[in-house]
């Protein structure tokens, strides 16, 4: 590690990696979403077939993953803004990351039933 650098890895490195990974995942979701929505103009029947596949439990798990990615990306983005524009941000970036993770966890627990409730009912009965 070069002498005099402030960067030490650890939580900051992992939040940087997770922010980039979630950003790429969200981009690919948006790309696929635009493509499947465009199917309506090409073939409404094909669009209906694609949308029908979205009602499976596997896709519900993917939707939950999408919610997780969007929430982390948004909350971590706010943390990055605070680190960049608040004079005390760099000093508190580690604590802010743990706050982000705590808020993210609570919101993900809250999203369990709304996102996965239909899939659970389909798998295990109503």
C-alpha atoms as a PDB file:
ATOM      1  CA  UNK A   1       0.000   0.000   0.000  1.00  0.00           C
ATOM      2  CA  UNK A   2       1.434   3.394  -0.928  1.00  0.00           C
ATOM      3  CA  UNK A   3       2.559   5.509   2.017  1.00  0.00           C
ATOM      4  CA  UNK A   4       0.239   8.323   3.004  1.00  0.00           C
ATOM      5  CA  UNK A   5      -2.912   6.908   1.449  1.00  0.00           C
ATOM      6  CA  UNK A   6      -6.151   7.047   3.429  1.00  0.00           C
ATOM      7  CA  UNK A   7      -7.657   4.060   1.649  1.00  0.00           C
ATOM      8  CA  UNK A   8      -7.363   0.883   3.675  1.00  0.00           C
ATOM      9  CA  UNK A   9     -10.025  -1.364   2.118  1.00  0.00           C
ATOM     10  CA  UNK A  10     -12.282  -3.228   4.522  1.00  0.00           C
ATOM     11  CA  UNK A  11     -15.866  -1.895   4.774  1.00  0.00           C
ATOM     12  CA  UNK A  12     -15.233   0.921   2.328  1.00  0.00           C
ATOM     13  CA  UNK A  13     -13.891  -1.479  -0.284  1.00  0.00           C
ATOM     14  CA  UNK A  14     -16.823  -3.879   0.083  1.00  0.00           C
ATOM     15  CA  UNK A  15     -19.417  -1.101  -0.071  1.00  0.00           C
ATOM     16  CA  UNK A  16     -17.690   0.198  -3.225  1.00  0.00           C
ATOM     17  CA  UNK A  17     -17.830  -3.273  -4.809  1.00  0.00           C
ATOM     18  CA  UNK A  18     -21.450  -3.861  -3.733  1.00  0.00           C
ATOM     19  CA  UNK A  19     -22.470  -0.439  -5.070  1.00  0.00           C
ATOM     20  CA  UNK A  20     -20.994  -1.246  -8.493  1.00  0.00           C
ATOM     21  CA  UNK A  21     -22.422  -4.779  -8.595  1.00  0.00           C
ATOM     22  CA  UNK A  22     -25.926  -3.613  -7.641  1.00  0.00           C
ATOM     23  CA  UNK A  23     -25.701  -0.829 -10.214  1.00  0.00           C
ATOM     24  CA  UNK A  24     -24.851  -3.315 -12.970  1.00  0.00           C
ATOM     25  CA  UNK A  25     -27.632  -5.685 -11.872  1.00  0.00           C
ATOM     26  CA  UNK A  26     -30.167  -2.844 -11.905  1.00  0.00           C
ATOM     27  CA  UNK A  27     -28.955  -1.805 -15.374  1.00  0.00           C
ATOM     28  CA  UNK A  28     -29.437  -5.340 -16.727  1.00  0.00           C
ATOM     29  CA  UNK A  29     -32.906  -5.526 -15.183  1.00  0.00           C
ATOM     30  CA  UNK A  30     -33.866  -2.256 -16.870  1.00  0.00           C
ATOM     31  CA  UNK A  31     -32.458  -3.519 -20.180  1.00  0.00           C
ATOM     32  CA  UNK A  32     -34.514  -6.739 -19.988  1.00  0.00           C
ATOM     33  CA  UNK A  33     -37.563  -4.775 -18.844  1.00  0.00           C
ATOM     34  CA  UNK A  34     -37.364  -2.488 -21.882  1.00  0.00           C
ATOM     35  CA  UNK A  35     -36.949  -5.503 -24.175  1.00  0.00           C
ATOM     36  CA  UNK A  36     -39.891  -7.454 -22.756  1.00  0.00           C
ATOM     37  CA  UNK A  37     -42.108  -4.373 -22.789  1.00  0.00           C
ATOM     38  CA  UNK A  38     -41.159  -3.761 -26.429  1.00  0.00           C
ATOM     39  CA  UNK A  39     -42.551  -7.218 -27.242  1.00  0.00           C
ATOM     40  CA  UNK A  40     -46.055  -5.774 -26.934  1.00  0.00           C
ATOM     41  CA  UNK A  41     -45.548  -3.909 -30.217  1.00  0.00           C
ATOM     42  CA  UNK A  42     -44.073  -6.935 -31.995  1.00  0.00           C
ATOM     43  CA  UNK A  43     -46.375  -9.680 -30.741  1.00  0.00           C
ATOM     44  CA  UNK A  44     -48.927  -9.221 -27.963  1.00  0.00           C
ATOM     45  CA  UNK A  45     -49.187 -13.013 -27.639  1.00  0.00           C
ATOM     46  CA  UNK A  46     -45.433 -13.342 -27.068  1.00  0.00           C
ATOM     47  CA  UNK A  47     -45.635 -10.533 -24.518  1.00  0.00           C
ATOM     48  CA  UNK A  48     -48.428 -12.364 -22.686  1.00  0.00           C
ATOM     49  CA  UNK A  49     -46.332 -15.553 -22.655  1.00  0.00           C
ATOM     50  CA  UNK A  50     -43.325 -13.727 -21.217  1.00  0.00           C
ATOM     51  CA  UNK A  51     -45.428 -11.996 -18.556  1.00  0.00           C
ATOM     52  CA  UNK A  52     -46.954 -15.362 -17.611  1.00  0.00           C
ATOM     53  CA  UNK A  53     -43.464 -16.695 -16.826  1.00  0.00           C
ATOM     54  CA  UNK A  54     -43.003 -13.801 -14.391  1.00  0.00           C
ATOM     55  CA  UNK A  55     -45.652 -15.252 -12.089  1.00  0.00           C
ATOM     56  CA  UNK A  56     -43.470 -18.186 -11.004  1.00  0.00           C
ATOM     57  CA  UNK A  57     -41.862 -18.571  -7.561  1.00  0.00           C
ATOM     58  CA  UNK A  58     -38.361 -18.438  -9.086  1.00  0.00           C
ATOM     59  CA  UNK A  59     -39.077 -15.034 -10.585  1.00  0.00           C
ATOM     60  CA  UNK A  60     -40.526 -13.903  -7.233  1.00  0.00           C
ATOM     61  CA  UNK A  61     -37.142 -14.691  -5.661  1.00  0.00           C
ATOM     62  CA  UNK A  62     -35.446 -12.708  -8.436  1.00  0.00           C
ATOM     63  CA  UNK A  63     -37.823  -9.809  -7.737  1.00  0.00           C
ATOM     64  CA  UNK A  64     -36.851  -9.957  -4.073  1.00  0.00           C
ATOM     65  CA  UNK A  65     -33.205  -9.818  -5.165  1.00  0.00           C
ATOM     66  CA  UNK A  66     -34.025  -6.814  -7.335  1.00  0.00           C
ATOM     67  CA  UNK A  67     -35.642  -5.070  -4.357  1.00  0.00           C
ATOM     68  CA  UNK A  68     -32.521  -5.871  -2.309  1.00  0.00           C
ATOM     69  CA  UNK A  69     -30.224  -4.450  -4.992  1.00  0.00           C
ATOM     70  CA  UNK A  70     -32.255  -1.270  -5.481  1.00  0.00           C
ATOM     71  CA  UNK A  71     -32.573  -0.604  -1.742  1.00  0.00           C
ATOM     72  CA  UNK A  72     -28.865  -1.159  -1.073  1.00  0.00           C
ATOM     73  CA  UNK A  73     -27.848   0.922  -4.084  1.00  0.00           C
ATOM     74  CA  UNK A  74     -30.114   3.798  -3.050  1.00  0.00           C
ATOM     75  CA  UNK A  75     -29.160   3.769   0.639  1.00  0.00           C
ATOM     76  CA  UNK A  76     -25.450   3.394  -0.090  1.00  0.00           C
ATOM     77  CA  UNK A  77     -25.716   6.176  -2.662  1.00  0.00           C
ATOM     78  CA  UNK A  78     -27.057   8.480   0.038  1.00  0.00           C
ATOM     79  CA  UNK A  79     -24.153   7.416   2.253  1.00  0.00           C
ATOM     80  CA  UNK A  80     -21.671   8.200  -0.534  1.00  0.00           C
ATOM     81  CA  UNK A  81     -23.246  11.637  -0.961  1.00  0.00           C
ATOM     82  CA  UNK A  82     -22.900  12.246   2.790  1.00  0.00           C
ATOM     83  CA  UNK A  83     -19.258  11.136   2.741  1.00  0.00           C
ATOM     84  CA  UNK A  84     -18.509  13.403  -0.228  1.00  0.00           C
ATOM     85  CA  UNK A  85     -20.390  16.541   0.800  1.00  0.00           C
ATOM     86  CA  UNK A  86     -20.417  16.501   4.618  1.00  0.00           C
ATOM     87  CA  UNK A  87     -17.174  17.749   6.130  1.00  0.00           C
ATOM     88  CA  UNK A  88     -17.273  15.014   8.800  1.00  0.00           C
ATOM     89  CA  UNK A  89     -18.440  12.347   6.328  1.00  0.00           C
ATOM     90  CA  UNK A  90     -15.105  10.593   5.789  1.00  0.00           C
ATOM     91  CA  UNK A  91     -14.619  10.292   9.535  1.00  0.00           C
ATOM     92  CA  UNK A  92     -18.051   8.661   9.983  1.00  0.00           C
ATOM     93  CA  UNK A  93     -18.238   6.611   6.772  1.00  0.00           C
ATOM     94  CA  UNK A  94     -17.844   3.274   8.572  1.00  0.00           C
ATOM     95  CA  UNK A  95     -20.644   4.005  11.064  1.00  0.00           C
ATOM     96  CA  UNK A  96     -22.850   5.262   8.229  1.00  0.00           C
ATOM     97  CA  UNK A  97     -22.267   2.007   6.341  1.00  0.00           C
ATOM     98  CA  UNK A  98     -23.465   0.017   9.367  1.00  0.00           C
ATOM     99  CA  UNK A  99     -26.526   2.271   9.566  1.00  0.00           C
ATOM    100  CA  UNK A 100     -27.178   1.636   5.872  1.00  0.00           C
ATOM    101  CA  UNK A 101     -26.899  -2.107   6.427  1.00  0.00           C
ATOM    102  CA  UNK A 102     -29.254  -1.958   9.420  1.00  0.00           C
ATOM    103  CA  UNK A 103     -31.877   0.094   7.578  1.00  0.00           C
ATOM    104  CA  UNK A 104     -31.496  -2.149   4.517  1.00  0.00           C
ATOM    105  CA  UNK A 105     -32.023  -5.273   6.635  1.00  0.00           C
ATOM    106  CA  UNK A 106     -35.161  -3.880   8.309  1.00  0.00           C
ATOM    107  CA  UNK A 107     -36.615  -2.845   4.947  1.00  0.00           C
ATOM    108  CA  UNK A 108     -35.799  -6.244   3.419  1.00  0.00           C
ATOM    109  CA  UNK A 109     -37.570  -8.027   6.275  1.00  0.00           C
ATOM    110  CA  UNK A 110     -40.527  -5.715   5.669  1.00  0.00           C
ATOM    111  CA  UNK A 111     -40.489  -6.565   1.954  1.00  0.00           C
ATOM    112  CA  UNK A 112     -40.612 -10.337   2.531  1.00  0.00           C
ATOM    113  CA  UNK A 113     -44.388 -10.748   2.563  1.00  0.00           C
ATOM    114  CA  UNK A 114     -45.319  -8.159  -0.092  1.00  0.00           C
ATOM    115  CA  UNK A 115     -42.789  -9.539  -2.575  1.00  0.00           C
ATOM    116  CA  UNK A 116     -42.759 -13.254  -1.738  1.00  0.00           C
ATOM    117  CA  UNK A 117     -46.257 -13.752  -0.306  1.00  0.00           C
ATOM    118  CA  UNK A 118     -47.787 -14.775  -3.636  1.00  0.00           C
ATOM    119  CA  UNK A 119     -44.985 -17.263  -4.342  1.00  0.00           C
ATOM    120  CA  UNK A 120     -45.309 -18.791  -0.871  1.00  0.00           C
ATOM    121  CA  UNK A 121     -49.063 -19.154  -1.330  1.00  0.00           C
ATOM    122  CA  UNK A 122     -48.507 -20.824  -4.698  1.00  0.00           C
ATOM    123  CA  UNK A 123     -45.895 -23.227  -3.319  1.00  0.00           C
ATOM    124  CA  UNK A 124     -47.488 -24.090   0.031  1.00  0.00           C
ATOM    125  CA  UNK A 125     -51.172 -23.380  -0.553  1.00  0.00           C
ATOM    126  CA  UNK A 126     -53.310 -20.552   0.721  1.00  0.00           C
END
